Amino acid sequence: MTPKVAIVVGSKSDLPVVERCTKILEEFEISYDVKVLSAHRTPFETQEFAVNADKYYDIIIAGAGKAAHLPGVIASYTLLPVIGLPIKSSILDGLDSLLSIVQMPKGVPVATVAIDGAENAALLACHILSLKYTYLKKTLADYREKMAEEVLNN
């Protein structure tokens, strides 16, 4: 059994940001699917994805810009952990996205990373997945050690 992540974005224009997320998942040898779904423009498809996500995935990373309701809508339909990735896509430099994702009502949590923080979204997913897939703890430790070496060697 291997972990699988769903990466969902609200628009094709968000894909360049999540490419950084996929690179981390590939480095950790975690399989993933990338889907474009909109909380507002494809609400029924988004609901269908979220309701059935636990049949295929362990965790969801949902990236969205502007109103950024996608992570919260997905979280409202699934018990899987949802990591919200605010994407900078408006004149407010992503602050609107961040606030939309982080200000979820009580009872429907969405973990949230920094604006355009795709790498941290993937790493947070790896941390959560390591609770079930314990081999990831060693991979995470090695990753941190490599980061420290890069800082010390520059």
N, C-alpha and C. Protein backbone atom coordinates (compact mmCIF):
# COMPACT_ATOMS: atom_id res chain seq x y z
N MET A 1 0.84 -1.18 0.00
CA MET A 1 0.00 0.00 0.00
C MET A 1 0.88 1.24 0.00
N THR A 2 0.64 2.14 -0.93
CA THR A 2 1.43 3.37 -1.02
C THR A 2 0.52 4.58 -0.90
N PRO A 3 1.05 5.67 -0.40
CA PRO A 3 0.23 6.87 -0.23
C PRO A 3 -0.12 7.51 -1.57
N LYS A 4 -1.26 8.16 -1.60
CA LYS A 4 -1.67 8.88 -2.80
C LYS A 4 -2.31 10.21 -2.39
N VAL A 5 -1.90 11.26 -3.10
CA VAL A 5 -2.34 12.61 -2.82
C VAL A 5 -3.16 13.12 -3.99
N ALA A 6 -4.24 13.81 -3.68
CA ALA A 6 -4.99 14.54 -4.70
C ALA A 6 -4.58 16.01 -4.59
N ILE A 7 -4.20 16.58 -5.71
CA ILE A 7 -3.92 18.01 -5.79
C ILE A 7 -5.02 18.60 -6.66
N VAL A 8 -5.78 19.50 -6.09
CA VAL A 8 -6.91 20.09 -6.81
C VAL A 8 -6.70 21.60 -6.84
N VAL A 9 -6.87 22.17 -8.03
CA VAL A 9 -6.76 23.63 -8.17
C VAL A 9 -8.03 24.15 -8.83
N GLY A 10 -8.30 25.42 -8.59
CA GLY A 10 -9.52 26.01 -9.09
C GLY A 10 -9.46 26.46 -10.53
N SER A 11 -8.26 26.53 -11.09
CA SER A 11 -8.11 27.03 -12.45
C SER A 11 -6.81 26.51 -13.05
N LYS A 12 -6.78 26.37 -14.36
CA LYS A 12 -5.54 25.96 -15.03
C LYS A 12 -4.42 26.94 -14.77
N SER A 13 -4.76 28.20 -14.55
CA SER A 13 -3.73 29.21 -14.29
C SER A 13 -2.99 28.96 -12.98
N ASP A 14 -3.55 28.10 -12.11
CA ASP A 14 -2.90 27.76 -10.83
C ASP A 14 -1.86 26.66 -10.97
N LEU A 15 -1.84 25.98 -12.11
CA LEU A 15 -0.96 24.82 -12.28
C LEU A 15 0.53 25.13 -12.13
N PRO A 16 1.04 26.27 -12.61
CA PRO A 16 2.48 26.53 -12.40
C PRO A 16 2.89 26.56 -10.92
N VAL A 17 2.01 27.02 -10.06
CA VAL A 17 2.33 27.04 -8.62
C VAL A 17 2.40 25.62 -8.08
N VAL A 18 1.44 24.76 -8.44
CA VAL A 18 1.43 23.42 -7.87
C VAL A 18 2.49 22.51 -8.47
N GLU A 19 3.13 22.94 -9.55
CA GLU A 19 4.26 22.14 -10.07
C GLU A 19 5.35 21.99 -9.02
N ARG A 20 5.56 23.02 -8.21
CA ARG A 20 6.55 22.94 -7.13
C ARG A 20 6.13 21.91 -6.08
N CYS A 21 4.85 21.76 -5.90
CA CYS A 21 4.30 20.75 -4.99
C CYS A 21 4.56 19.36 -5.54
N THR A 22 4.33 19.17 -6.82
CA THR A 22 4.51 17.84 -7.42
C THR A 22 5.97 17.42 -7.39
N LYS A 23 6.88 18.36 -7.51
CA LYS A 23 8.31 18.01 -7.45
C LYS A 23 8.69 17.42 -6.10
N ILE A 24 8.14 17.99 -5.04
CA ILE A 24 8.41 17.45 -3.69
C ILE A 24 7.82 16.05 -3.56
N LEU A 25 6.58 15.88 -4.00
CA LEU A 25 5.94 14.56 -3.91
C LEU A 25 6.72 13.53 -4.72
N GLU A 26 7.21 13.91 -5.88
CA GLU A 26 8.02 13.00 -6.69
C GLU A 26 9.31 12.64 -5.97
N GLU A 27 9.93 13.64 -5.34
CA GLU A 27 11.16 13.38 -4.58
C GLU A 27 10.90 12.37 -3.46
N PHE A 28 9.72 12.42 -2.86
CA PHE A 28 9.36 11.50 -1.79
C PHE A 28 8.72 10.22 -2.31
N GLU A 29 8.64 10.10 -3.63
CA GLU A 29 8.06 8.94 -4.30
C GLU A 29 6.62 8.68 -3.86
N ILE A 30 5.86 9.76 -3.79
CA ILE A 30 4.45 9.69 -3.45
C ILE A 30 3.65 9.96 -4.72
N SER A 31 2.72 9.07 -5.01
CA SER A 31 1.92 9.26 -6.22
C SER A 31 0.84 10.32 -5.97
N TYR A 32 0.43 10.94 -7.05
CA TYR A 32 -0.54 12.03 -6.94
C TYR A 32 -1.31 12.15 -8.25
N ASP A 33 -2.46 12.76 -8.16
CA ASP A 33 -3.24 13.18 -9.32
C ASP A 33 -3.47 14.67 -9.19
N VAL A 34 -3.46 15.37 -10.32
CA VAL A 34 -3.77 16.80 -10.34
C VAL A 34 -5.08 16.97 -11.08
N LYS A 35 -5.99 17.69 -10.46
CA LYS A 35 -7.31 17.93 -11.04
C LYS A 35 -7.62 19.42 -11.01
N VAL A 36 -8.34 19.89 -12.02
CA VAL A 36 -8.83 21.26 -12.04
C VAL A 36 -10.33 21.20 -11.80
N LEU A 37 -10.76 21.74 -10.67
CA LEU A 37 -12.17 21.81 -10.29
C LEU A 37 -12.43 23.17 -9.66
N SER A 38 -13.58 23.71 -9.86
CA SER A 38 -13.90 25.02 -9.30
C SER A 38 -15.09 24.90 -8.36
N ALA A 39 -14.95 25.49 -7.19
CA ALA A 39 -16.06 25.49 -6.24
C ALA A 39 -17.27 26.22 -6.81
N HIS A 40 -17.00 27.18 -7.71
CA HIS A 40 -18.09 28.01 -8.24
C HIS A 40 -18.51 27.62 -9.65
N ARG A 41 -17.56 27.22 -10.48
CA ARG A 41 -17.89 26.93 -11.88
C ARG A 41 -18.18 25.45 -12.14
N THR A 42 -17.70 24.57 -11.28
CA THR A 42 -18.01 23.13 -11.41
C THR A 42 -18.41 22.58 -10.04
N PRO A 43 -19.44 23.13 -9.44
CA PRO A 43 -19.78 22.72 -8.07
C PRO A 43 -20.18 21.25 -7.94
N PHE A 44 -20.91 20.72 -8.91
CA PHE A 44 -21.35 19.33 -8.80
C PHE A 44 -20.17 18.37 -8.95
N GLU A 45 -19.27 18.66 -9.87
CA GLU A 45 -18.08 17.83 -10.05
C GLU A 45 -17.17 17.91 -8.83
N THR A 46 -17.08 19.09 -8.24
CA THR A 46 -16.27 19.26 -7.02
C THR A 46 -16.87 18.45 -5.88
N GLN A 47 -18.16 18.51 -5.73
CA GLN A 47 -18.83 17.73 -4.69
C GLN A 47 -18.62 16.23 -4.92
N GLU A 48 -18.79 15.78 -6.15
CA GLU A 48 -18.62 14.36 -6.46
C GLU A 48 -17.19 13.90 -6.16
N PHE A 49 -16.21 14.72 -6.53
CA PHE A 49 -14.81 14.39 -6.22
C PHE A 49 -14.63 14.25 -4.72
N ALA A 50 -15.08 15.25 -3.97
CA ALA A 50 -14.83 15.27 -2.52
C ALA A 50 -15.54 14.13 -1.80
N VAL A 51 -16.75 13.83 -2.19
CA VAL A 51 -17.50 12.76 -1.54
C VAL A 51 -16.83 11.41 -1.75
N ASN A 52 -16.19 11.23 -2.90
CA ASN A 52 -15.57 9.94 -3.24
C ASN A 52 -14.06 9.90 -3.03
N ALA A 53 -13.46 10.99 -2.61
CA ALA A 53 -12.00 11.09 -2.53
C ALA A 53 -11.38 10.03 -1.63
N ASP A 54 -12.04 9.68 -0.55
CA ASP A 54 -11.44 8.72 0.38
C ASP A 54 -11.32 7.31 -0.21
N LYS A 55 -11.93 7.06 -1.33
CA LYS A 55 -11.79 5.77 -2.01
C LYS A 55 -10.45 5.67 -2.75
N TYR A 56 -9.84 6.82 -3.02
CA TYR A 56 -8.65 6.85 -3.88
C TYR A 56 -7.44 7.54 -3.26
N TYR A 57 -7.67 8.40 -2.29
CA TYR A 57 -6.60 9.25 -1.78
C TYR A 57 -6.49 9.18 -0.26
N ASP A 58 -5.32 9.60 0.23
CA ASP A 58 -5.08 9.69 1.66
C ASP A 58 -5.21 11.12 2.17
N ILE A 59 -4.98 12.08 1.30
CA ILE A 59 -4.95 13.49 1.69
C ILE A 59 -5.18 14.33 0.44
N ILE A 60 -5.68 15.55 0.65
CA ILE A 60 -5.97 16.45 -0.45
C ILE A 60 -5.24 17.76 -0.23
N ILE A 61 -4.58 18.24 -1.27
CA ILE A 61 -4.03 19.60 -1.31
C ILE A 61 -4.91 20.37 -2.28
N ALA A 62 -5.52 21.44 -1.80
CA ALA A 62 -6.42 22.23 -2.64
C ALA A 62 -5.91 23.65 -2.74
N GLY A 63 -5.54 24.03 -3.95
CA GLY A 63 -5.02 25.37 -4.19
C GLY A 63 -6.05 26.22 -4.90
N ALA A 64 -6.17 27.47 -4.47
CA ALA A 64 -7.13 28.36 -5.10
C ALA A 64 -6.73 29.81 -4.88
N GLY A 65 -7.13 30.64 -5.82
CA GLY A 65 -6.89 32.06 -5.71
C GLY A 65 -8.20 32.82 -5.55
N LYS A 66 -8.05 34.12 -5.38
CA LYS A 66 -9.18 35.05 -5.22
C LYS A 66 -10.09 34.61 -4.08
N ALA A 67 -11.36 34.29 -4.36
CA ALA A 67 -12.30 33.93 -3.29
C ALA A 67 -11.85 32.65 -2.57
N ALA A 68 -11.18 31.76 -3.28
CA ALA A 68 -10.52 30.59 -2.70
C ALA A 68 -11.41 29.72 -1.83
N HIS A 69 -12.60 29.43 -2.30
CA HIS A 69 -13.51 28.58 -1.53
C HIS A 69 -13.27 27.10 -1.74
N LEU A 70 -12.48 26.74 -2.74
CA LEU A 70 -12.29 25.33 -3.09
C LEU A 70 -11.84 24.46 -1.91
N PRO A 71 -10.80 24.82 -1.15
CA PRO A 71 -10.40 23.95 -0.04
C PRO A 71 -11.50 23.73 0.98
N GLY A 72 -12.23 24.77 1.32
CA GLY A 72 -13.30 24.65 2.31
C GLY A 72 -14.47 23.83 1.81
N VAL A 73 -14.82 24.01 0.55
CA VAL A 73 -15.91 23.22 -0.01
C VAL A 73 -15.53 21.74 -0.01
N ILE A 74 -14.32 21.44 -0.44
CA ILE A 74 -13.87 20.05 -0.43
C ILE A 74 -13.88 19.50 0.99
N ALA A 75 -13.35 20.27 1.94
CA ALA A 75 -13.31 19.81 3.34
C ALA A 75 -14.70 19.56 3.90
N SER A 76 -15.69 20.28 3.40
CA SER A 76 -17.05 20.09 3.92
C SER A 76 -17.67 18.77 3.49
N TYR A 77 -17.11 18.14 2.47
CA TYR A 77 -17.65 16.89 1.95
C TYR A 77 -16.81 15.65 2.27
N THR A 78 -15.66 15.83 2.89
CA THR A 78 -14.79 14.67 3.16
C THR A 78 -14.22 14.75 4.56
N LEU A 79 -13.84 13.59 5.08
CA LEU A 79 -13.14 13.54 6.36
C LEU A 79 -11.63 13.43 6.17
N LEU A 80 -11.18 13.37 4.92
CA LEU A 80 -9.74 13.37 4.66
C LEU A 80 -9.15 14.72 5.07
N PRO A 81 -7.88 14.73 5.47
CA PRO A 81 -7.24 16.02 5.73
C PRO A 81 -7.15 16.82 4.43
N VAL A 82 -7.46 18.11 4.53
CA VAL A 82 -7.35 19.02 3.40
C VAL A 82 -6.34 20.11 3.75
N ILE A 83 -5.38 20.28 2.88
CA ILE A 83 -4.39 21.35 3.04
C ILE A 83 -4.72 22.42 2.02
N GLY A 84 -4.98 23.61 2.50
CA GLY A 84 -5.30 24.73 1.63
C GLY A 84 -4.04 25.45 1.19
N LEU A 85 -3.94 25.69 -0.10
CA LEU A 85 -2.80 26.40 -0.69
C LEU A 85 -3.31 27.69 -1.32
N PRO A 86 -3.17 28.82 -0.61
CA PRO A 86 -3.61 30.09 -1.19
C PRO A 86 -2.70 30.47 -2.35
N ILE A 87 -3.31 30.84 -3.46
CA ILE A 87 -2.54 31.18 -4.66
C ILE A 87 -2.70 32.67 -4.97
N LYS A 88 -1.57 33.29 -5.18
CA LYS A 88 -1.53 34.72 -5.50
C LYS A 88 -2.06 34.91 -6.92
N SER A 89 -3.25 35.52 -7.02
CA SER A 89 -3.83 35.64 -8.35
C SER A 89 -4.66 36.90 -8.54
N SER A 90 -4.53 37.84 -7.65
CA SER A 90 -5.35 39.04 -7.77
C SER A 90 -4.55 40.27 -7.34
N ILE A 91 -5.21 41.38 -7.41
CA ILE A 91 -4.56 42.62 -7.03
C ILE A 91 -4.25 42.70 -5.54
N LEU A 92 -4.80 41.79 -4.76
CA LEU A 92 -4.54 41.76 -3.33
C LEU A 92 -3.36 40.87 -2.97
N ASP A 93 -2.60 40.44 -3.97
CA ASP A 93 -1.37 39.66 -3.79
C ASP A 93 -1.58 38.35 -3.01
N GLY A 94 -2.77 37.77 -3.12
CA GLY A 94 -3.03 36.49 -2.48
C GLY A 94 -3.56 36.58 -1.06
N LEU A 95 -3.58 37.78 -0.51
CA LEU A 95 -4.09 37.93 0.86
C LEU A 95 -5.57 37.53 0.92
N ASP A 96 -6.32 37.84 -0.13
CA ASP A 96 -7.73 37.44 -0.18
C ASP A 96 -7.85 35.91 -0.14
N SER A 97 -6.99 35.23 -0.88
CA SER A 97 -6.99 33.76 -0.91
C SER A 97 -6.64 33.20 0.46
N LEU A 98 -5.59 33.75 1.07
CA LEU A 98 -5.16 33.28 2.39
C LEU A 98 -6.28 33.41 3.41
N LEU A 99 -6.90 34.57 3.46
CA LEU A 99 -7.96 34.78 4.46
C LEU A 99 -9.18 33.91 4.19
N SER A 100 -9.50 33.69 2.92
CA SER A 100 -10.65 32.82 2.59
C SER A 100 -10.41 31.40 3.05
N ILE A 101 -9.17 30.93 2.95
CA ILE A 101 -8.87 29.55 3.31
C ILE A 101 -8.68 29.38 4.81
N VAL A 102 -7.99 30.31 5.42
CA VAL A 102 -7.64 30.14 6.84
C VAL A 102 -8.84 30.40 7.77
N GLN A 103 -9.81 31.18 7.34
CA GLN A 103 -10.94 31.53 8.20
C GLN A 103 -12.11 30.57 8.02
N MET A 104 -11.86 29.30 8.22
CA MET A 104 -12.91 28.30 8.11
C MET A 104 -13.75 28.28 9.39
N PRO A 105 -15.03 27.96 9.25
CA PRO A 105 -15.87 27.89 10.45
C PRO A 105 -15.52 26.67 11.31
N LYS A 106 -15.82 26.78 12.57
CA LYS A 106 -15.60 25.70 13.52
C LYS A 106 -16.23 24.41 12.99
N GLY A 107 -15.46 23.33 13.05
CA GLY A 107 -15.97 22.03 12.65
C GLY A 107 -15.58 21.58 11.26
N VAL A 108 -15.06 22.49 10.44
CA VAL A 108 -14.62 22.15 9.08
C VAL A 108 -13.21 22.70 8.89
N PRO A 109 -12.21 22.02 9.48
CA PRO A 109 -10.85 22.56 9.42
C PRO A 109 -10.19 22.37 8.06
N VAL A 110 -9.38 23.34 7.71
CA VAL A 110 -8.50 23.25 6.55
C VAL A 110 -7.12 23.74 7.02
N ALA A 111 -6.14 22.85 6.96
CA ALA A 111 -4.77 23.28 7.27
C ALA A 111 -4.35 24.24 6.16
N THR A 112 -3.63 25.29 6.49
CA THR A 112 -3.31 26.30 5.50
C THR A 112 -1.82 26.62 5.54
N VAL A 113 -1.23 26.73 4.35
CA VAL A 113 0.17 27.11 4.23
C VAL A 113 0.25 28.53 3.66
N ALA A 114 1.44 29.03 3.48
CA ALA A 114 1.66 30.39 3.01
C ALA A 114 1.15 30.58 1.58
N ILE A 115 0.96 31.82 1.21
CA ILE A 115 0.58 32.17 -0.15
C ILE A 115 1.65 31.62 -1.11
N ASP A 116 1.21 30.86 -2.10
CA ASP A 116 2.09 30.19 -3.07
C ASP A 116 3.06 29.22 -2.40
N GLY A 117 2.73 28.74 -1.21
CA GLY A 117 3.61 27.85 -0.45
C GLY A 117 3.45 26.39 -0.85
N ALA A 118 3.60 26.11 -2.13
CA ALA A 118 3.36 24.76 -2.65
C ALA A 118 4.30 23.73 -2.05
N GLU A 119 5.56 24.10 -1.86
CA GLU A 119 6.51 23.16 -1.28
C GLU A 119 6.08 22.75 0.13
N ASN A 120 5.67 23.73 0.92
CA ASN A 120 5.24 23.40 2.29
C ASN A 120 3.93 22.62 2.30
N ALA A 121 3.07 22.84 1.33
CA ALA A 121 1.84 22.04 1.24
C ALA A 121 2.22 20.58 1.04
N ALA A 122 3.16 20.32 0.14
CA ALA A 122 3.59 18.94 -0.11
C ALA A 122 4.29 18.36 1.12
N LEU A 123 5.14 19.15 1.76
CA LEU A 123 5.84 18.65 2.95
C LEU A 123 4.88 18.39 4.10
N LEU A 124 3.90 19.26 4.29
CA LEU A 124 2.90 19.02 5.33
C LEU A 124 2.13 17.74 5.03
N ALA A 125 1.80 17.53 3.78
CA ALA A 125 1.14 16.28 3.39
C ALA A 125 2.01 15.08 3.75
N CYS A 126 3.31 15.18 3.49
CA CYS A 126 4.23 14.09 3.83
C CYS A 126 4.27 13.85 5.33
N HIS A 127 4.28 14.90 6.11
CA HIS A 127 4.26 14.76 7.57
C HIS A 127 3.01 14.03 8.03
N ILE A 128 1.87 14.44 7.51
CA ILE A 128 0.61 13.80 7.90
C ILE A 128 0.60 12.34 7.44
N LEU A 129 1.05 12.11 6.22
CA LEU A 129 1.08 10.75 5.69
C LEU A 129 2.02 9.85 6.48
N SER A 130 3.06 10.43 7.08
CA SER A 130 4.03 9.62 7.82
C SER A 130 3.41 8.97 9.06
N LEU A 131 2.26 9.43 9.49
CA LEU A 131 1.57 8.79 10.61
C LEU A 131 1.07 7.40 10.22
N LYS A 132 0.71 7.24 8.96
CA LYS A 132 0.23 5.96 8.44
C LYS A 132 1.33 5.20 7.72
N TYR A 133 2.14 5.91 6.98
CA TYR A 133 3.23 5.32 6.19
C TYR A 133 4.53 5.72 6.87
N THR A 134 4.92 4.96 7.86
CA THR A 134 6.01 5.36 8.76
C THR A 134 7.37 5.47 8.07
N TYR A 135 7.55 4.81 6.93
CA TYR A 135 8.83 4.94 6.22
C TYR A 135 9.10 6.39 5.81
N LEU A 136 8.05 7.21 5.71
CA LEU A 136 8.23 8.60 5.32
C LEU A 136 8.96 9.41 6.39
N LYS A 137 8.95 8.95 7.63
CA LYS A 137 9.65 9.68 8.69
C LYS A 137 11.14 9.75 8.39
N LYS A 138 11.71 8.66 7.92
CA LYS A 138 13.14 8.64 7.55
C LYS A 138 13.37 9.56 6.35
N THR A 139 12.47 9.52 5.38
CA THR A 139 12.61 10.37 4.20
C THR A 139 12.54 11.85 4.59
N LEU A 140 11.64 12.18 5.51
CA LEU A 140 11.54 13.56 5.98
C LEU A 140 12.80 13.97 6.74
N ALA A 141 13.31 13.10 7.58
CA ALA A 141 14.53 13.40 8.32
C ALA A 141 15.70 13.62 7.36
N ASP A 142 15.80 12.78 6.34
CA ASP A 142 16.86 12.94 5.34
C ASP A 142 16.70 14.26 4.59
N TYR A 143 15.48 14.63 4.28
CA TYR A 143 15.21 15.89 3.58
C TYR A 143 15.67 17.07 4.41
N ARG A 144 15.35 17.04 5.70
CA ARG A 144 15.77 18.15 6.58
C ARG A 144 17.29 18.20 6.73
N GLU A 145 17.90 17.04 6.80
CA GLU A 145 19.36 16.99 6.91
C GLU A 145 19.99 17.59 5.65
N LYS A 146 19.44 17.26 4.51
CA LYS A 146 19.94 17.80 3.24
C LYS A 146 19.77 19.32 3.20
N MET A 147 18.64 19.83 3.69
CA MET A 147 18.43 21.28 3.74
C MET A 147 19.47 21.94 4.63
N ALA A 148 19.75 21.34 5.78
CA ALA A 148 20.73 21.91 6.71
C ALA A 148 22.11 21.95 6.06
N GLU A 149 22.46 20.87 5.37
CA GLU A 149 23.76 20.83 4.70
C GLU A 149 23.87 21.91 3.63
N GLU A 150 22.80 22.15 2.90
CA GLU A 150 22.81 23.19 1.88
C GLU A 150 23.02 24.56 2.49
N VAL A 151 22.41 24.81 3.64
CA VAL A 151 22.57 26.11 4.31
C VAL A 151 24.02 26.24 4.81
N LEU A 152 24.54 25.20 5.43
CA LEU A 152 25.88 25.26 6.02
C LEU A 152 26.98 25.29 4.97
N ASN A 153 26.73 24.76 3.81
CA ASN A 153 27.75 24.71 2.75
C ASN A 153 27.72 25.90 1.81
N ASN A 154 26.86 26.85 2.06
CA ASN A 154 26.80 28.04 1.18
C ASN A 154 27.36 29.26 1.85
